[in-house]
Amino acid sequence: MDSRNMTLEEDRNTMLGERVLLRIFIGERDKYKHIPLYEALVELFRKEGLAGATVLRGIAGFGAHSMYHTDRLLRLSTDLPIVLEVVDQRERIEAVLPTVEEMMDGGLITMEKVLVLRYARKRSS
């Protein structure tokens, strides 16, 4: 049974309290085995049973090479910033980090403590 297939109450109780936020900064054009890296990372997090992942597309930014990417130029940037966020228990995040680092070629990874106040599925209608 998948570790994410729990009852609503188990989900809620497992995630509340102090957890870790993993934040990954990459470019929209970054690839892993010919697919967008952000898609490969989300699939990894899902397969590993992490609580959830969100992909955010930035409208502007720059990284280690100081190349400015924006969606406001006449020619649209083909490499806008992408931020992935994952919240889970520290041990679960740390277990997946070596694989994440192997998949990345550049980028930035940060971790910080967060306090989870709510974690619940939508109510059934």
Protein backbone atom coordinates (compact mmCIF):
# COMPACT_ATOMS: atom_id res chain seq x y z
CA MET A 1 0.00 0.00 0.00
CA ASP A 2 1.29 3.49 -0.93
CA SER A 3 2.34 5.47 2.15
CA ARG A 4 0.14 8.37 0.95
CA ASN A 5 -3.02 6.19 0.94
CA MET A 6 -4.02 7.04 4.49
CA THR A 7 -7.23 8.17 6.02
CA LEU A 8 -7.91 11.89 6.16
CA GLU A 9 -7.22 11.95 9.91
CA GLU A 10 -3.88 10.09 9.50
CA ASP A 11 -2.80 12.58 6.80
CA ARG A 12 -3.70 15.47 9.04
CA ASN A 13 -1.96 14.11 12.11
CA THR A 14 1.18 13.05 10.24
CA MET A 15 1.85 16.44 8.66
CA LEU A 16 0.91 18.91 11.39
CA GLY A 17 3.69 20.56 13.35
CA GLU A 18 7.28 21.36 12.48
CA ARG A 19 8.28 20.09 9.04
CA VAL A 20 10.78 21.01 6.34
CA LEU A 21 10.22 23.01 3.17
CA LEU A 22 12.46 21.95 0.28
CA ARG A 23 12.70 24.64 -2.38
CA ILE A 24 14.40 23.97 -5.73
CA PHE A 25 15.23 26.73 -8.22
CA ILE A 26 15.82 25.66 -11.81
CA GLY A 27 15.22 26.94 -15.34
CA GLU A 28 12.25 26.10 -17.50
CA ARG A 29 14.55 24.59 -20.16
CA ASP A 30 16.36 22.26 -17.73
CA LYS A 31 15.91 18.63 -18.74
CA TYR A 32 16.35 15.19 -17.23
CA LYS A 33 16.43 12.32 -19.72
CA HIS A 34 14.74 14.45 -22.42
CA ILE A 35 11.80 15.59 -20.26
CA PRO A 36 11.44 18.85 -18.35
CA LEU A 37 13.33 18.56 -15.07
CA TYR A 38 10.44 19.97 -13.06
CA GLU A 39 8.17 17.19 -14.37
CA ALA A 40 10.76 14.52 -13.54
CA LEU A 41 11.17 15.92 -10.01
CA VAL A 42 7.42 16.05 -9.35
CA GLU A 43 7.12 12.44 -10.50
CA LEU A 44 10.03 11.45 -8.22
CA PHE A 45 8.36 13.13 -5.23
CA ARG A 46 5.06 11.41 -6.03
CA LYS A 47 6.69 7.98 -6.39
CA GLU A 48 8.56 8.47 -3.12
CA GLY A 49 5.26 9.22 -1.36
CA LEU A 50 6.05 12.77 -0.28
CA ALA A 51 3.11 14.83 0.95
CA GLY A 52 2.88 16.95 -2.21
CA ALA A 53 4.79 19.23 -4.55
CA THR A 54 4.04 22.54 -6.23
CA VAL A 55 5.72 23.98 -9.32
CA LEU A 56 5.78 27.77 -9.66
CA ARG A 57 6.74 29.54 -12.89
CA GLY A 58 8.48 32.84 -12.32
CA ILE A 59 8.00 35.91 -14.46
CA ALA A 60 11.60 37.07 -14.01
CA GLY A 61 14.84 36.11 -12.33
CA PHE A 62 18.53 35.33 -12.62
CA GLY A 63 20.83 32.69 -11.20
CA ALA A 64 24.50 31.83 -10.84
CA HIS A 65 25.39 33.13 -14.32
CA SER A 66 23.56 36.45 -13.74
CA MET A 67 21.65 36.02 -17.02
CA TYR A 68 18.36 37.91 -16.63
CA HIS A 69 15.29 35.99 -17.79
CA THR A 70 11.92 37.71 -18.07
CA ASP A 71 8.58 37.32 -19.79
CA ARG A 72 8.39 41.09 -20.40
CA LEU A 73 10.79 41.36 -23.33
CA LEU A 74 9.50 41.52 -26.91
CA ARG A 75 10.96 38.08 -27.52
CA LEU A 76 9.65 35.77 -24.86
CA SER A 77 12.28 34.13 -22.69
CA THR A 78 12.46 30.39 -23.25
CA ASP A 79 14.09 29.76 -19.89
CA LEU A 80 11.96 31.38 -17.20
CA PRO A 81 12.64 30.53 -13.55
CA ILE A 82 10.90 27.49 -12.08
CA VAL A 83 10.56 26.93 -8.32
CA LEU A 84 9.48 23.60 -6.86
CA GLU A 85 8.29 23.43 -3.27
CA VAL A 86 7.84 20.29 -1.20
CA VAL A 87 6.89 20.07 2.49
CA ASP A 88 7.35 16.86 4.46
CA GLN A 89 9.24 15.35 7.36
CA ARG A 90 12.98 16.11 7.39
CA GLU A 91 13.93 12.43 7.10
CA ARG A 92 11.75 11.91 4.03
CA ILE A 93 13.16 15.02 2.32
CA GLU A 94 16.76 14.08 3.14
CA ALA A 95 16.21 10.56 1.78
CA VAL A 96 15.28 11.89 -1.67
CA LEU A 97 17.92 14.67 -1.85
CA PRO A 98 20.77 12.56 -3.31
CA THR A 99 18.54 11.57 -6.24
CA VAL A 100 17.42 15.18 -6.73
CA GLU A 101 21.03 16.35 -6.85
CA GLU A 102 21.93 13.64 -9.40
CA MET A 103 19.08 14.80 -11.63
CA MET A 104 20.09 18.48 -11.54
CA ASP A 105 22.71 20.26 -13.61
CA GLY A 106 22.96 23.64 -11.92
CA GLY A 107 20.27 25.35 -9.91
CA LEU A 108 19.76 26.04 -6.21
CA ILE A 109 18.33 23.91 -3.40
CA THR A 110 17.27 25.33 -0.04
CA MET A 111 15.64 23.83 3.04
CA GLU A 112 13.98 25.59 5.93
CA LYS A 113 11.86 24.70 8.92
CA VAL A 114 8.16 25.43 8.57
CA LEU A 115 5.17 25.03 10.83
CA VAL A 116 2.33 23.13 9.15
CA LEU A 117 -1.00 24.32 10.50
CA ARG A 118 -3.30 22.61 8.01
CA TYR A 119 -2.92 19.64 5.69
CA ALA A 120 -6.14 18.13 4.37
CA ARG A 121 -7.78 16.82 1.24
CA LYS A 122 -10.77 18.63 -0.20
CA ARG A 123 -14.07 17.51 1.24
CA SER A 124 -16.12 15.23 -0.96
CA SER A 125 -19.23 16.88 -2.41
